[in-house]
């Protein structure tokens, strides 16, 4: 998750693995935190799985990134709450993940 990233991004290597995934043209322009342009290869709709839930997500595709980046667009759409004290992250009102061991 990257709350400083405005748009959800997936690496091109991810979409290259699936023949049925159709990458559509996208006119979006994106820059990294250091003001370097990030090349956008298109836009795609992918299923993201969190436990037993499938969340269809529209993402920009880029060969310049190596991992999925859930941007603030996704975090807002799914009402994500990141409780830094407990390390819990919830989305759509359901607990999604714990980021660290709270028993330390």
C-alpha atoms as a PDB file:
ATOM      1  CA  UNK A   1       0.000   0.000   0.000  1.00  0.00           C
ATOM      2  CA  UNK A   2       1.277   3.418  -0.877  1.00  0.00           C
ATOM      3  CA  UNK A   3      -0.869   6.304   0.316  1.00  0.00           C
ATOM      4  CA  UNK A   4       1.486   8.771  -1.413  1.00  0.00           C
ATOM      5  CA  UNK A   5       0.783   7.087  -4.757  1.00  0.00           C
ATOM      6  CA  UNK A   6      -2.402   8.464  -6.292  1.00  0.00           C
ATOM      7  CA  UNK A   7      -3.060   5.635  -8.774  1.00  0.00           C
ATOM      8  CA  UNK A   8      -2.965   1.869  -8.378  1.00  0.00           C
ATOM      9  CA  UNK A   9      -0.144   0.375 -10.442  1.00  0.00           C
ATOM     10  CA  UNK A  10       0.774  -3.179 -11.425  1.00  0.00           C
ATOM     11  CA  UNK A  11       3.999  -4.354 -13.068  1.00  0.00           C
ATOM     12  CA  UNK A  12       3.840  -5.247 -16.760  1.00  0.00           C
ATOM     13  CA  UNK A  13       5.434  -8.609 -15.900  1.00  0.00           C
ATOM     14  CA  UNK A  14       2.229  -9.464 -14.009  1.00  0.00           C
ATOM     15  CA  UNK A  15      -0.077  -8.815 -16.955  1.00  0.00           C
ATOM     16  CA  UNK A  16       2.338 -10.551 -19.360  1.00  0.00           C
ATOM     17  CA  UNK A  17       1.758 -13.838 -17.493  1.00  0.00           C
ATOM     18  CA  UNK A  18      -1.941 -14.003 -18.342  1.00  0.00           C
ATOM     19  CA  UNK A  19      -3.079 -14.311 -21.957  1.00  0.00           C
ATOM     20  CA  UNK A  20      -6.704 -13.443 -21.254  1.00  0.00           C
ATOM     21  CA  UNK A  21      -5.881 -10.128 -19.601  1.00  0.00           C
ATOM     22  CA  UNK A  22      -6.455  -7.301 -22.046  1.00  0.00           C
ATOM     23  CA  UNK A  23      -4.461  -4.161 -21.450  1.00  0.00           C
ATOM     24  CA  UNK A  24      -6.363  -1.154 -22.764  1.00  0.00           C
ATOM     25  CA  UNK A  25      -4.765   2.134 -23.822  1.00  0.00           C
ATOM     26  CA  UNK A  26      -4.479   4.741 -21.071  1.00  0.00           C
ATOM     27  CA  UNK A  27      -3.734   8.438 -21.342  1.00  0.00           C
ATOM     28  CA  UNK A  28      -2.576   8.729 -17.728  1.00  0.00           C
ATOM     29  CA  UNK A  29       0.761  10.269 -16.851  1.00  0.00           C
ATOM     30  CA  UNK A  30       2.496   9.276 -13.618  1.00  0.00           C
ATOM     31  CA  UNK A  31       5.673  10.443 -11.875  1.00  0.00           C
ATOM     32  CA  UNK A  32       7.719   8.811  -9.129  1.00  0.00           C
ATOM     33  CA  UNK A  33       8.395  10.602  -5.842  1.00  0.00           C
ATOM     34  CA  UNK A  34      11.712  11.867  -7.276  1.00  0.00           C
ATOM     35  CA  UNK A  35       9.836  13.479 -10.216  1.00  0.00           C
ATOM     36  CA  UNK A  36      10.974  10.817 -12.708  1.00  0.00           C
ATOM     37  CA  UNK A  37       8.274   9.864 -15.253  1.00  0.00           C
ATOM     38  CA  UNK A  38       6.869   6.337 -14.921  1.00  0.00           C
ATOM     39  CA  UNK A  39       6.063   4.753 -18.277  1.00  0.00           C
ATOM     40  CA  UNK A  40       2.444   3.602 -18.522  1.00  0.00           C
ATOM     41  CA  UNK A  41       1.742   0.690 -20.877  1.00  0.00           C
ATOM     42  CA  UNK A  42      -2.025   0.844 -20.419  1.00  0.00           C
ATOM     43  CA  UNK A  43      -4.860   0.103 -18.038  1.00  0.00           C
ATOM     44  CA  UNK A  44      -6.277  -3.238 -16.945  1.00  0.00           C
ATOM     45  CA  UNK A  45      -8.992  -4.635 -14.686  1.00  0.00           C
ATOM     46  CA  UNK A  46      -7.691  -7.443 -12.456  1.00  0.00           C
ATOM     47  CA  UNK A  47      -9.057  -9.542  -9.594  1.00  0.00           C
ATOM     48  CA  UNK A  48      -7.242  -8.914  -6.309  1.00  0.00           C
ATOM     49  CA  UNK A  49      -7.831 -11.538  -3.634  1.00  0.00           C
ATOM     50  CA  UNK A  50      -7.878 -10.771   0.085  1.00  0.00           C
ATOM     51  CA  UNK A  51      -8.653 -13.934   1.991  1.00  0.00           C
ATOM     52  CA  UNK A  52     -12.033 -15.134   0.639  1.00  0.00           C
ATOM     53  CA  UNK A  53     -12.891 -11.913  -1.201  1.00  0.00           C
ATOM     54  CA  UNK A  54     -12.299 -11.047  -4.838  1.00  0.00           C
ATOM     55  CA  UNK A  55     -11.968  -7.322  -5.456  1.00  0.00           C
ATOM     56  CA  UNK A  56     -11.963  -6.292  -9.124  1.00  0.00           C
ATOM     57  CA  UNK A  57      -9.518  -3.456  -9.480  1.00  0.00           C
ATOM     58  CA  UNK A  58      -8.675  -1.086 -12.312  1.00  0.00           C
ATOM     59  CA  UNK A  59      -4.915  -0.542 -12.422  1.00  0.00           C
ATOM     60  CA  UNK A  60      -2.359   1.205 -14.554  1.00  0.00           C
ATOM     61  CA  UNK A  61       0.287  -1.108 -16.033  1.00  0.00           C
ATOM     62  CA  UNK A  62       3.961  -0.124 -16.017  1.00  0.00           C
ATOM     63  CA  UNK A  63       7.229  -1.802 -16.902  1.00  0.00           C
ATOM     64  CA  UNK A  64       8.958   0.629 -14.519  1.00  0.00           C
ATOM     65  CA  UNK A  65       7.650  -0.959 -11.301  1.00  0.00           C
ATOM     66  CA  UNK A  66       8.338  -4.372  -9.775  1.00  0.00           C
ATOM     67  CA  UNK A  67       5.430  -4.879  -7.385  1.00  0.00           C
ATOM     68  CA  UNK A  68       1.741  -4.029  -7.075  1.00  0.00           C
ATOM     69  CA  UNK A  69       1.191  -0.569  -5.624  1.00  0.00           C
ATOM     70  CA  UNK A  70      -2.249   0.034  -4.159  1.00  0.00           C
ATOM     71  CA  UNK A  71      -2.658   3.780  -4.540  1.00  0.00           C
ATOM     72  CA  UNK A  72      -4.781   6.294  -2.684  1.00  0.00           C
ATOM     73  CA  UNK A  73      -7.490   5.779  -5.332  1.00  0.00           C
ATOM     74  CA  UNK A  74      -7.897   2.139  -4.208  1.00  0.00           C
ATOM     75  CA  UNK A  75      -7.493   2.955  -0.511  1.00  0.00           C
ATOM     76  CA  UNK A  76     -10.294   5.552  -0.698  1.00  0.00           C
ATOM     77  CA  UNK A  77     -12.601   3.431  -2.862  1.00  0.00           C
ATOM     78  CA  UNK A  78     -12.369   0.551  -0.377  1.00  0.00           C
ATOM     79  CA  UNK A  79     -12.512   2.696   2.777  1.00  0.00           C
ATOM     80  CA  UNK A  80      -9.142   1.459   4.008  1.00  0.00           C
ATOM     81  CA  UNK A  81      -8.085   2.224   7.556  1.00  0.00           C
ATOM     82  CA  UNK A  82      -4.506   1.655   8.666  1.00  0.00           C
ATOM     83  CA  UNK A  83      -4.223   1.610  12.454  1.00  0.00           C
ATOM     84  CA  UNK A  84      -0.512   2.195  13.034  1.00  0.00           C
ATOM     85  CA  UNK A  85      -0.752   1.454  16.757  1.00  0.00           C
ATOM     86  CA  UNK A  86      -2.149  -2.064  16.294  1.00  0.00           C
ATOM     87  CA  UNK A  87      -0.711  -2.664  12.815  1.00  0.00           C
ATOM     88  CA  UNK A  88      -4.138  -3.656  11.483  1.00  0.00           C
ATOM     89  CA  UNK A  89      -5.365  -2.698   8.044  1.00  0.00           C
ATOM     90  CA  UNK A  90      -9.021  -2.978   7.161  1.00  0.00           C
ATOM     91  CA  UNK A  91     -10.849  -2.420   3.920  1.00  0.00           C
ATOM     92  CA  UNK A  92     -14.560  -2.200   3.255  1.00  0.00           C
ATOM     93  CA  UNK A  93     -15.053  -2.499   7.027  1.00  0.00           C
ATOM     94  CA  UNK A  94     -13.336  -5.896   7.255  1.00  0.00           C
ATOM     95  CA  UNK A  95      -9.960  -6.686   8.744  1.00  0.00           C
ATOM     96  CA  UNK A  96      -7.539  -7.415   5.936  1.00  0.00           C
ATOM     97  CA  UNK A  97      -4.044  -7.812   7.327  1.00  0.00           C
ATOM     98  CA  UNK A  98      -1.777  -7.209  10.312  1.00  0.00           C
ATOM     99  CA  UNK A  99       1.462  -5.494   9.343  1.00  0.00           C
ATOM    100  CA  UNK A 100       3.523  -6.576  12.345  1.00  0.00           C
ATOM    101  CA  UNK A 101       3.442  -8.790  15.412  1.00  0.00           C
ATOM    102  CA  UNK A 102       1.469  -6.930  18.105  1.00  0.00           C
ATOM    103  CA  UNK A 103       2.689  -9.306  20.867  1.00  0.00           C
ATOM    104  CA  UNK A 104       6.190  -7.857  21.067  1.00  0.00           C
END
